[in-house]
PDB file of all heavy atoms in Angstrom:
ATOM      1  N   THR A   1     272.211  38.121 250.242  1.00  0.00           N
ATOM      2  CA  THR A   1     272.856  37.326 249.275  1.00  0.00           C
ATOM      3  C   THR A   1     272.795  37.944 247.895  1.00  0.00           C
ATOM      4  O   THR A   1     271.662  38.341 247.440  1.00  0.00           O
ATOM      5  CB  THR A   1     272.213  35.906 249.223  1.00  0.00           C
ATOM      6  OG1 THR A   1     272.376  35.248 250.477  1.00  0.00           O
ATOM      7  CG2 THR A   1     272.905  34.998 248.127  1.00  0.00           C
ATOM      8  N   ILE A   2     274.040  38.079 247.226  1.00  0.00           N
ATOM      9  CA  ILE A   2     274.043  38.672 245.940  1.00  0.00           C
ATOM     10  C   ILE A   2     274.423  37.546 245.002  1.00  0.00           C
ATOM     11  O   ILE A   2     275.540  37.053 245.137  1.00  0.00           O
ATOM     12  CB  ILE A   2     275.007  39.872 245.951  1.00  0.00           C
ATOM     13  CG1 ILE A   2     274.849  40.774 247.126  1.00  0.00           C
ATOM     14  CG2 ILE A   2     275.015  40.568 244.562  1.00  0.00           C
ATOM     15  CD1 ILE A   2     273.561  41.465 247.139  1.00  0.00           C
ATOM     16  N   GLU A   3     273.624  37.228 244.079  1.00  0.00           N
ATOM     17  CA  GLU A   3     273.999  36.014 243.139  1.00  0.00           C
ATOM     18  C   GLU A   3     274.926  36.523 242.044  1.00  0.00           C
ATOM     19  O   GLU A   3     275.249  37.728 241.962  1.00  0.00           O
ATOM     20  CB  GLU A   3     272.700  35.502 242.646  1.00  0.00           C
ATOM     21  CG  GLU A   3     271.744  34.745 243.714  1.00  0.00           C
ATOM     22  CD  GLU A   3     270.624  34.064 243.203  1.00  0.00           C
ATOM     23  OE1 GLU A   3     270.302  34.261 242.051  1.00  0.00           O
ATOM     24  OE2 GLU A   3     270.008  33.365 243.976  1.00  0.00           O
ATOM     25  N   ASP A   4     275.271  35.564 241.164  1.00  0.00           N
ATOM     26  CA  ASP A   4     276.196  35.864 240.129  1.00  0.00           C
ATOM     27  C   ASP A   4     275.882  37.007 239.182  1.00  0.00           C
ATOM     28  O   ASP A   4     274.629  37.260 238.953  1.00  0.00           O
ATOM     29  CB  ASP A   4     276.410  34.572 239.335  1.00  0.00           C
ATOM     30  CG  ASP A   4     276.971  33.409 240.065  1.00  0.00           C
ATOM     31  OD1 ASP A   4     277.514  33.609 241.191  1.00  0.00           O
ATOM     32  OD2 ASP A   4     277.055  32.296 239.458  1.00  0.00           O
ATOM     33  N   ASP A   5     276.832  37.677 238.658  1.00  0.00           N
ATOM     34  CA  ASP A   5     276.676  38.563 237.535  1.00  0.00           C
ATOM     35  C   ASP A   5     275.762  39.743 237.896  1.00  0.00           C
ATOM     36  O   ASP A   5     275.154  40.382 237.097  1.00  0.00           O
ATOM     37  CB  ASP A   5     276.203  37.994 236.248  1.00  0.00           C
ATOM     38  CG  ASP A   5     277.002  36.710 235.930  1.00  0.00           C
ATOM     39  OD1 ASP A   5     278.247  36.904 235.777  1.00  0.00           O
ATOM     40  OD2 ASP A   5     276.409  35.615 235.670  1.00  0.00           O
ATOM     41  N   VAL A   6     275.834  40.222 239.109  1.00  0.00           N
ATOM     42  CA  VAL A   6     274.976  41.375 239.644  1.00  0.00           C
ATOM     43  C   VAL A   6     275.842  42.620 239.566  1.00  0.00           C
ATOM     44  O   VAL A   6     277.083  42.678 239.924  1.00  0.00           O
ATOM     45  CB  VAL A   6     274.458  41.165 241.018  1.00  0.00           C
ATOM     46  CG1 VAL A   6     273.840  42.370 241.574  1.00  0.00           C
ATOM     47  CG2 VAL A   6     273.378  39.992 240.912  1.00  0.00           C
ATOM     48  N   ILE A   7     275.264  43.747 239.222  1.00  0.00           N
ATOM     49  CA  ILE A   7     275.896  45.026 239.332  1.00  0.00           C
ATOM     50  C   ILE A   7     275.080  45.898 240.283  1.00  0.00           C
ATOM     51  O   ILE A   7     273.842  46.025 240.178  1.00  0.00           O
ATOM     52  CB  ILE A   7     275.930  45.777 237.932  1.00  0.00           C
ATOM     53  CG1 ILE A   7     276.820  44.941 236.963  1.00  0.00           C
ATOM     54  CG2 ILE A   7     276.646  47.089 238.133  1.00  0.00           C
ATOM     55  CD1 ILE A   7     276.827  45.459 235.514  1.00  0.00           C
ATOM     56  N   ILE A   8     275.782  46.573 241.236  1.00  0.00           N
ATOM     57  CA  ILE A   8     275.157  47.447 242.203  1.00  0.00           C
ATOM     58  C   ILE A   8     275.731  48.779 242.167  1.00  0.00           C
ATOM     59  O   ILE A   8     277.020  48.926 242.449  1.00  0.00           O
ATOM     60  CB  ILE A   8     275.085  46.924 243.585  1.00  0.00           C
ATOM     61  CG1 ILE A   8     274.629  45.388 243.698  1.00  0.00           C
ATOM     62  CG2 ILE A   8     274.411  47.733 244.678  1.00  0.00           C
ATOM     63  CD1 ILE A   8     274.698  44.732 245.011  1.00  0.00           C
ATOM     64  N   TYR A   9     275.065  49.781 241.788  1.00  0.00           N
ATOM     65  CA  TYR A   9     275.638  51.163 241.541  1.00  0.00           C
ATOM     66  C   TYR A   9     275.706  51.979 242.851  1.00  0.00           C
ATOM     67  O   TYR A   9     275.220  51.509 243.914  1.00  0.00           O
ATOM     68  CB  TYR A   9     274.797  51.871 240.526  1.00  0.00           C
ATOM     69  CG  TYR A   9     275.177  51.386 239.093  1.00  0.00           C
ATOM     70  CD1 TYR A   9     274.351  50.396 238.570  1.00  0.00           C
ATOM     71  CD2 TYR A   9     276.263  51.819 238.418  1.00  0.00           C
ATOM     72  CE1 TYR A   9     274.678  49.990 237.291  1.00  0.00           C
ATOM     73  CE2 TYR A   9     276.626  51.407 237.181  1.00  0.00           C
ATOM     74  CZ  TYR A   9     275.793  50.448 236.591  1.00  0.00           C
ATOM     75  OH  TYR A   9     276.171  50.004 235.290  1.00  0.00           O
ATOM     76  N   ALA A  10     276.296  53.145 242.764  1.00  0.00           N
ATOM     77  CA  ALA A  10     276.731  53.853 243.939  1.00  0.00           C
ATOM     78  C   ALA A  10     275.635  54.250 244.936  1.00  0.00           C
ATOM     79  O   ALA A  10     274.488  54.476 244.608  1.00  0.00           O
ATOM     80  CB  ALA A  10     277.436  55.133 243.469  1.00  0.00           C
ATOM     81  N   ASN A  11     275.963  54.193 246.150  1.00  0.00           N
ATOM     82  CA  ASN A  11     275.277  54.659 247.271  1.00  0.00           C
ATOM     83  C   ASN A  11     273.952  53.897 247.472  1.00  0.00           C
ATOM     84  O   ASN A  11     272.965  54.391 248.070  1.00  0.00           O
ATOM     85  CB  ASN A  11     274.979  56.156 247.159  1.00  0.00           C
ATOM     86  CG  ASN A  11     276.136  57.047 247.165  1.00  0.00           C
ATOM     87  OD1 ASN A  11     277.104  56.724 247.913  1.00  0.00           O
ATOM     88  ND2 ASN A  11     276.192  57.930 246.192  1.00  0.00           N
ATOM     89  N   THR A  12     273.946  52.605 247.090  1.00  0.00           N
ATOM     90  CA  THR A  12     272.806  51.779 247.313  1.00  0.00           C
ATOM     91  C   THR A  12     272.959  50.974 248.498  1.00  0.00           C
ATOM     92  O   THR A  12     273.992  50.499 248.868  1.00  0.00           O
ATOM     93  CB  THR A  12     272.551  50.881 246.022  1.00  0.00           C
ATOM     94  OG1 THR A  12     271.903  51.715 244.979  1.00  0.00           O
ATOM     95  CG2 THR A  12     271.709  49.661 246.423  1.00  0.00           C
ATOM     96  N   THR A  13     271.834  50.796 249.259  1.00  0.00           N
ATOM     97  CA  THR A  13     271.859  50.013 250.543  1.00  0.00           C
ATOM     98  C   THR A  13     270.908  48.821 250.380  1.00  0.00           C
ATOM     99  O   THR A  13     269.776  48.968 249.966  1.00  0.00           O
ATOM    100  CB  THR A  13     271.350  50.878 251.677  1.00  0.00           C
ATOM    101  OG1 THR A  13     272.183  51.898 251.855  1.00  0.00           O
ATOM    102  CG2 THR A  13     271.229  50.058 252.948  1.00  0.00           C
ATOM    103  N   ILE A  14     271.368  47.607 250.637  1.00  0.00           N
ATOM    104  CA  ILE A  14     270.612  46.403 250.616  1.00  0.00           C
ATOM    105  C   ILE A  14     270.849  45.670 251.879  1.00  0.00           C
ATOM    106  O   ILE A  14     271.862  45.453 252.341  1.00  0.00           O
ATOM    107  CB  ILE A  14     271.170  45.455 249.468  1.00  0.00           C
ATOM    108  CG1 ILE A  14     270.999  46.232 248.052  1.00  0.00           C
ATOM    109  CG2 ILE A  14     270.319  44.247 249.391  1.00  0.00           C
ATOM    110  CD1 ILE A  14     271.607  45.372 246.962  1.00  0.00           C
ATOM    111  N   LEU A  15     269.719  45.456 252.595  1.00  0.00           N
ATOM    112  CA  LEU A  15     269.709  44.950 253.935  1.00  0.00           C
ATOM    113  C   LEU A  15     268.930  43.686 254.105  1.00  0.00           C
ATOM    114  O   LEU A  15     267.941  43.435 253.398  1.00  0.00           O
ATOM    115  CB  LEU A  15     269.011  45.993 254.915  1.00  0.00           C
ATOM    116  CG  LEU A  15     269.681  47.473 254.867  1.00  0.00           C
ATOM    117  CD1 LEU A  15     268.909  48.420 255.806  1.00  0.00           C
ATOM    118  CD2 LEU A  15     271.122  47.451 255.250  1.00  0.00           C
ATOM    119  N   GLY A  16     269.324  42.879 255.107  1.00  0.00           N
ATOM    120  CA  GLY A  16     268.528  41.681 255.588  1.00  0.00           C
ATOM    121  C   GLY A  16     269.073  40.361 255.091  1.00  0.00           C
ATOM    122  O   GLY A  16     269.487  40.175 253.974  1.00  0.00           O
ATOM    123  N   GLY A  17     269.080  39.438 256.026  1.00  0.00           N
ATOM    124  CA  GLY A  17     269.580  38.035 255.776  1.00  0.00           C
ATOM    125  C   GLY A  17     268.701  37.321 254.843  1.00  0.00           C
ATOM    126  O   GLY A  17     269.284  36.333 254.201  1.00  0.00           O
ATOM    127  N   ASP A  18     267.398  37.724 254.660  1.00  0.00           N
ATOM    128  CA  ASP A  18     266.584  36.964 253.717  1.00  0.00           C
ATOM    129  C   ASP A  18     266.585  37.552 252.335  1.00  0.00           C
ATOM    130  O   ASP A  18     265.842  37.084 251.454  1.00  0.00           O
ATOM    131  CB  ASP A  18     265.192  36.833 254.333  1.00  0.00           C
ATOM    132  CG  ASP A  18     265.129  36.039 255.658  1.00  0.00           C
ATOM    133  OD1 ASP A  18     265.823  35.113 255.735  1.00  0.00           O
ATOM    134  OD2 ASP A  18     264.260  36.326 256.516  1.00  0.00           O
ATOM    135  N   THR A  19     267.228  38.672 252.183  1.00  0.00           N
ATOM    136  CA  THR A  19     267.220  39.489 250.901  1.00  0.00           C
ATOM    137  C   THR A  19     268.097  38.849 249.926  1.00  0.00           C
ATOM    138  O   THR A  19     269.355  38.610 250.243  1.00  0.00           O
ATOM    139  CB  THR A  19     267.571  40.896 251.192  1.00  0.00           C
ATOM    140  OG1 THR A  19     266.718  41.502 252.134  1.00  0.00           O
ATOM    141  CG2 THR A  19     267.513  41.659 249.901  1.00  0.00           C
ATOM    142  N   VAL A  20     267.595  38.440 248.772  1.00  0.00           N
ATOM    143  CA  VAL A  20     268.469  37.895 247.702  1.00  0.00           C
ATOM    144  C   VAL A  20     268.237  38.692 246.501  1.00  0.00           C
ATOM    145  O   VAL A  20     267.148  38.974 245.982  1.00  0.00           O
ATOM    146  CB  VAL A  20     267.908  36.359 247.411  1.00  0.00           C
ATOM    147  CG1 VAL A  20     268.776  35.781 246.293  1.00  0.00           C
ATOM    148  CG2 VAL A  20     268.094  35.535 248.680  1.00  0.00           C
ATOM    149  N   ILE A  21     269.396  39.096 245.874  1.00  0.00           N
ATOM    150  CA  ILE A  21     269.381  39.769 244.613  1.00  0.00           C
ATOM    151  C   ILE A  21     269.736  38.705 243.517  1.00  0.00           C
ATOM    152  O   ILE A  21     270.794  38.155 243.491  1.00  0.00           O
ATOM    153  CB  ILE A  21     270.483  40.900 244.665  1.00  0.00           C
ATOM    154  CG1 ILE A  21     270.194  41.861 245.796  1.00  0.00           C
ATOM    155  CG2 ILE A  21     270.367  41.647 243.325  1.00  0.00           C
ATOM    156  CD1 ILE A  21     268.837  42.429 245.918  1.00  0.00           C
ATOM    157  N   GLY A  22     268.710  38.435 242.670  1.00  0.00           N
ATOM    158  CA  GLY A  22     268.830  37.334 241.737  1.00  0.00           C
ATOM    159  C   GLY A  22     269.864  37.614 240.624  1.00  0.00           C
ATOM    160  O   GLY A  22     270.291  38.700 240.356  1.00  0.00           O
ATOM    161  N   ARG A  23     270.369  36.512 240.204  1.00  0.00           N
ATOM    162  CA  ARG A  23     271.419  36.421 239.219  1.00  0.00           C
ATOM    163  C   ARG A  23     271.222  37.462 237.935  1.00  0.00           C
ATOM    164  O   ARG A  23     270.035  37.514 237.411  1.00  0.00           O
ATOM    165  CB  ARG A  23     271.609  35.037 238.636  1.00  0.00           C
ATOM    166  CG  ARG A  23     272.684  34.849 237.614  1.00  0.00           C
ATOM    167  CD  ARG A  23     272.855  33.493 237.292  1.00  0.00           C
ATOM    168  NE  ARG A  23     274.073  33.354 236.336  1.00  0.00           N
ATOM    169  CZ  ARG A  23     274.679  32.201 236.167  1.00  0.00           C
ATOM    170  NH1 ARG A  23     274.466  31.184 236.984  1.00  0.00           N
ATOM    171  NH2 ARG A  23     275.690  32.166 235.297  1.00  0.00           N
ATOM    172  N   GLY A  24     272.262  38.123 237.615  1.00  0.00           N
ATOM    173  CA  GLY A  24     272.194  39.053 236.395  1.00  0.00           C
ATOM    174  C   GLY A  24     271.354  40.331 236.730  1.00  0.00           C
ATOM    175  O   GLY A  24     271.138  41.021 235.769  1.00  0.00           O
ATOM    176  N   SER A  25     271.010  40.619 237.886  1.00  0.00           N
ATOM    177  CA  SER A  25     270.245  41.882 238.158  1.00  0.00           C
ATOM    178  C   SER A  25     271.118  43.109 238.195  1.00  0.00           C
ATOM    179  O   SER A  25     272.364  43.002 238.376  1.00  0.00           O
ATOM    180  CB  SER A  25     269.535  41.700 239.501  1.00  0.00           C
ATOM    181  OG  SER A  25     268.486  40.717 239.526  1.00  0.00           O
ATOM    182  N   VAL A  26     270.543  44.183 237.869  1.00  0.00           N
ATOM    183  CA  VAL A  26     271.248  45.481 237.982  1.00  0.00           C
ATOM    184  C   VAL A  26     270.533  46.424 238.977  1.00  0.00           C
ATOM    185  O   VAL A  26     269.324  46.625 238.805  1.00  0.00           O
ATOM    186  CB  VAL A  26     271.298  46.206 236.573  1.00  0.00           C
ATOM    187  CG1 VAL A  26     271.962  47.486 236.799  1.00  0.00           C
ATOM    188  CG2 VAL A  26     272.056  45.327 235.650  1.00  0.00           C
ATOM    189  N   ILE A  27     271.176  46.826 240.025  1.00  0.00           N
ATOM    190  CA  ILE A  27     270.612  47.629 241.015  1.00  0.00           C
ATOM    191  C   ILE A  27     271.122  49.069 240.850  1.00  0.00           C
ATOM    192  O   ILE A  27     272.260  49.297 240.979  1.00  0.00           O
ATOM    193  CB  ILE A  27     270.678  47.236 242.428  1.00  0.00           C
ATOM    194  CG1 ILE A  27     270.410  45.607 242.486  1.00  0.00           C
ATOM    195  CG2 ILE A  27     269.923  47.985 243.443  1.00  0.00           C
ATOM    196  CD1 ILE A  27     269.074  45.284 242.231  1.00  0.00           C
ATOM    197  N   GLY A  28     270.270  50.064 240.556  1.00  0.00           N
ATOM    198  CA  GLY A  28     270.714  51.428 240.257  1.00  0.00           C
ATOM    199  C   GLY A  28     271.227  52.173 241.536  1.00  0.00           C
ATOM    200  O   GLY A  28     271.217  51.591 242.618  1.00  0.00           O
ATOM    201  N   GLY A  29     271.727  53.301 241.338  1.00  0.00           N
ATOM    202  CA  GLY A  29     272.269  54.177 242.412  1.00  0.00           C
ATOM    203  C   GLY A  29     271.150  54.687 243.385  1.00  0.00           C
ATOM    204  O   GLY A  29     269.999  54.929 242.930  1.00  0.00           O
ATOM    205  N   ASN A  30     271.571  54.888 244.591  1.00  0.00           N
ATOM    206  CA  ASN A  30     270.678  55.518 245.672  1.00  0.00           C
ATOM    207  C   ASN A  30     269.398  54.759 245.855  1.00  0.00           C
ATOM    208  O   ASN A  30     268.375  55.351 246.197  1.00  0.00           O
ATOM    209  CB  ASN A  30     270.360  56.927 245.175  1.00  0.00           C
ATOM    210  CG  ASN A  30     271.602  57.809 245.030  1.00  0.00           C
ATOM    211  OD1 ASN A  30     272.296  58.024 246.009  1.00  0.00           O
ATOM    212  ND2 ASN A  30     271.806  58.262 243.917  1.00  0.00           N
ATOM    213  N   ILE A  31     269.560  53.441 245.823  1.00  0.00           N
ATOM    214  CA  ILE A  31     268.368  52.565 245.997  1.00  0.00           C
ATOM    215  C   ILE A  31     268.455  51.985 247.487  1.00  0.00           C
ATOM    216  O   ILE A  31     269.567  51.791 247.986  1.00  0.00           O
ATOM    217  CB  ILE A  31     268.310  51.343 245.054  1.00  0.00           C
ATOM    218  CG1 ILE A  31     268.276  51.819 243.625  1.00  0.00           C
ATOM    219  CG2 ILE A  31     267.214  50.371 245.344  1.00  0.00           C
ATOM    220  CD1 ILE A  31     266.963  52.426 243.212  1.00  0.00           C
ATOM    221  N   TRP A  32     267.172  51.922 248.090  1.00  0.00           N
ATOM    222  CA  TRP A  32     267.172  51.208 249.545  1.00  0.00           C
ATOM    223  C   TRP A  32     266.324  49.987 249.242  1.00  0.00           C
ATOM    224  O   TRP A  32     265.104  50.076 248.927  1.00  0.00           O
ATOM    225  CB  TRP A  32     266.532  52.268 250.434  1.00  0.00           C
ATOM    226  CG  TRP A  32     266.348  51.659 251.838  1.00  0.00           C
ATOM    227  CD1 TRP A  32     265.484  50.807 252.265  1.00  0.00           C
ATOM    228  CD2 TRP A  32     267.122  51.962 252.894  1.00  0.00           C
ATOM    229  NE1 TRP A  32     265.597  50.573 253.634  1.00  0.00           N
ATOM    230  CE2 TRP A  32     266.794  51.306 254.014  1.00  0.00           C
ATOM    231  CE3 TRP A  32     268.353  52.817 253.019  1.00  0.00           C
ATOM    232  CZ2 TRP A  32     267.321  51.343 255.256  1.00  0.00           C
ATOM    233  CZ3 TRP A  32     268.941  52.830 254.337  1.00  0.00           C
ATOM    234  CH2 TRP A  32     268.449  52.177 255.434  1.00  0.00           C
ATOM    235  N   LEU A  33     266.919  48.774 249.499  1.00  0.00           N
ATOM    236  CA  LEU A  33     266.242  47.515 249.303  1.00  0.00           C
ATOM    237  C   LEU A  33     266.215  46.705 250.583  1.00  0.00           C
ATOM    238  O   LEU A  33     267.306  46.497 251.104  1.00  0.00           O
ATOM    239  CB  LEU A  33     266.870  46.773 248.226  1.00  0.00           C
ATOM    240  CG  LEU A  33     266.429  46.937 246.717  1.00  0.00           C
ATOM    241  CD1 LEU A  33     267.240  46.028 245.836  1.00  0.00           C
ATOM    242  CD2 LEU A  33     264.897  46.635 246.613  1.00  0.00           C
ATOM    243  N   THR A  34     265.121  46.167 251.040  1.00  0.00           N
ATOM    244  CA  THR A  34     265.031  45.211 252.114  1.00  0.00           C
ATOM    245  C   THR A  34     264.255  43.994 251.693  1.00  0.00           C
ATOM    246  O   THR A  34     263.740  43.246 252.506  1.00  0.00           O
ATOM    247  CB  THR A  34     264.390  45.899 253.303  1.00  0.00           C
ATOM    248  OG1 THR A  34     263.042  46.383 252.952  1.00  0.00           O
ATOM    249  CG2 THR A  34     265.244  47.134 253.818  1.00  0.00           C
ATOM    250  N   GLU A  35     264.032  43.763 250.365  1.00  0.00           N
ATOM    251  CA  GLU A  35     263.347  42.632 249.975  1.00  0.00           C
ATOM    252  C   GLU A  35     264.051  42.093 248.727  1.00  0.00           C
ATOM    253  O   GLU A  35     264.807  42.705 248.012  1.00  0.00           O
ATOM    254  CB  GLU A  35     261.867  43.036 249.530  1.00  0.00           C
ATOM    255  CG  GLU A  35     261.763  44.106 248.539  1.00  0.00           C
ATOM    256  CD  GLU A  35     260.330  44.504 248.395  1.00  0.00           C
ATOM    257  OE1 GLU A  35     259.505  44.401 249.261  1.00  0.00           O
ATOM    258  OE2 GLU A  35     259.993  44.992 247.258  1.00  0.00           O
ATOM    259  N   SER A  36     263.806  40.802 248.395  1.00  0.00           N
ATOM    260  CA  SER A  36     264.489  40.193 247.360  1.00  0.00           C
ATOM    261  C   SER A  36     264.046  40.608 245.978  1.00  0.00           C
ATOM    262  O   SER A  36     262.867  41.103 245.764  1.00  0.00           O
ATOM    263  CB  SER A  36     264.250  38.646 247.480  1.00  0.00           C
ATOM    264  OG  SER A  36     264.824  38.109 248.640  1.00  0.00           O
ATOM    265  N   VAL A  37     264.882  40.424 245.012  1.00  0.00           N
ATOM    266  CA  VAL A  37     264.419  40.718 243.532  1.00  0.00           C
ATOM    267  C   VAL A  37     264.796  39.413 242.763  1.00  0.00           C
ATOM    268  O   VAL A  37     265.752  38.737 242.995  1.00  0.00           O
ATOM    269  CB  VAL A  37     265.082  41.901 242.940  1.00  0.00           C
ATOM    270  CG1 VAL A  37     264.710  43.153 243.800  1.00  0.00           C
ATOM    271  CG2 VAL A  37     266.599  41.793 242.867  1.00  0.00           C
ATOM    272  N   GLU A  38     263.952  39.133 241.680  1.00  0.00           N
ATOM    273  CA  GLU A  38     264.194  37.947 240.854  1.00  0.00           C
ATOM    274  C   GLU A  38     265.394  38.135 239.968  1.00  0.00           C
ATOM    275  O   GLU A  38     265.860  39.302 239.721  1.00  0.00           O
ATOM    276  CB  GLU A  38     262.975  37.637 240.093  1.00  0.00           C
ATOM    277  CG  GLU A  38     261.695  37.317 240.873  1.00  0.00           C
ATOM    278  CD  GLU A  38     260.522  37.053 239.992  1.00  0.00           C
ATOM    279  OE1 GLU A  38     260.582  37.156 238.780  1.00  0.00           O
ATOM    280  OE2 GLU A  38     259.443  36.721 240.550  1.00  0.00           O
ATOM    281  N   ALA A  39     265.866  37.045 239.463  1.00  0.00           N
ATOM    282  CA  ALA A  39     267.008  37.081 238.489  1.00  0.00           C
ATOM    283  C   ALA A  39     266.586  37.927 237.315  1.00  0.00           C
ATOM    284  O   ALA A  39     265.496  38.045 236.836  1.00  0.00           O
ATOM    285  CB  ALA A  39     267.277  35.688 238.001  1.00  0.00           C
ATOM    286  N   GLY A  40     267.612  38.685 236.860  1.00  0.00           N
ATOM    287  CA  GLY A  40     267.479  39.502 235.619  1.00  0.00           C
ATOM    288  C   GLY A  40     266.751  40.761 235.880  1.00  0.00           C
ATOM    289  O   GLY A  40     266.345  41.471 234.866  1.00  0.00           O
ATOM    290  N   THR A  41     266.405  41.207 237.096  1.00  0.00           N
ATOM    291  CA  THR A  41     265.640  42.399 237.402  1.00  0.00           C
ATOM    292  C   THR A  41     266.519  43.679 237.310  1.00  0.00           C
ATOM    293  O   THR A  41     267.658  43.735 237.742  1.00  0.00           O
ATOM    294  CB  THR A  41     265.124  42.311 238.817  1.00  0.00           C
ATOM    295  OG1 THR A  41     264.241  41.083 238.842  1.00  0.00           O
ATOM    296  CG2 THR A  41     264.152  43.487 239.188  1.00  0.00           C
ATOM    297  N   ARG A  42     265.919  44.743 236.836  1.00  0.00           N
ATOM    298  CA  ARG A  42     266.562  46.021 236.848  1.00  0.00           C
ATOM    299  C   ARG A  42     265.777  46.869 237.874  1.00  0.00           C
ATOM    300  O   ARG A  42     264.570  47.071 237.678  1.00  0.00           O
ATOM    301  CB  ARG A  42     266.602  46.724 235.508  1.00  0.00           C
ATOM    302  CG  ARG A  42     267.520  45.996 234.544  1.00  0.00           C
ATOM    303  CD  ARG A  42     267.371  46.618 233.073  1.00  0.00           C
ATOM    304  NE  ARG A  42     267.849  47.948 233.074  1.00  0.00           N
ATOM    305  CZ  ARG A  42     269.159  48.293 232.906  1.00  0.00           C
ATOM    306  NH1 ARG A  42     270.011  47.312 232.700  1.00  0.00           N
ATOM    307  NH2 ARG A  42     269.476  49.569 232.789  1.00  0.00           N
TER     308      ARG A  42
END
């Protein structure tokens, strides 16, 4: 689940049904994520 106002940069992989990217977060390039991050996280 990707909440509002999120930016995800190139070649990033986010996996899993329980994974939530919090509102306003920025996920940089070439990241591998399988866990949630809180709102406003970089």
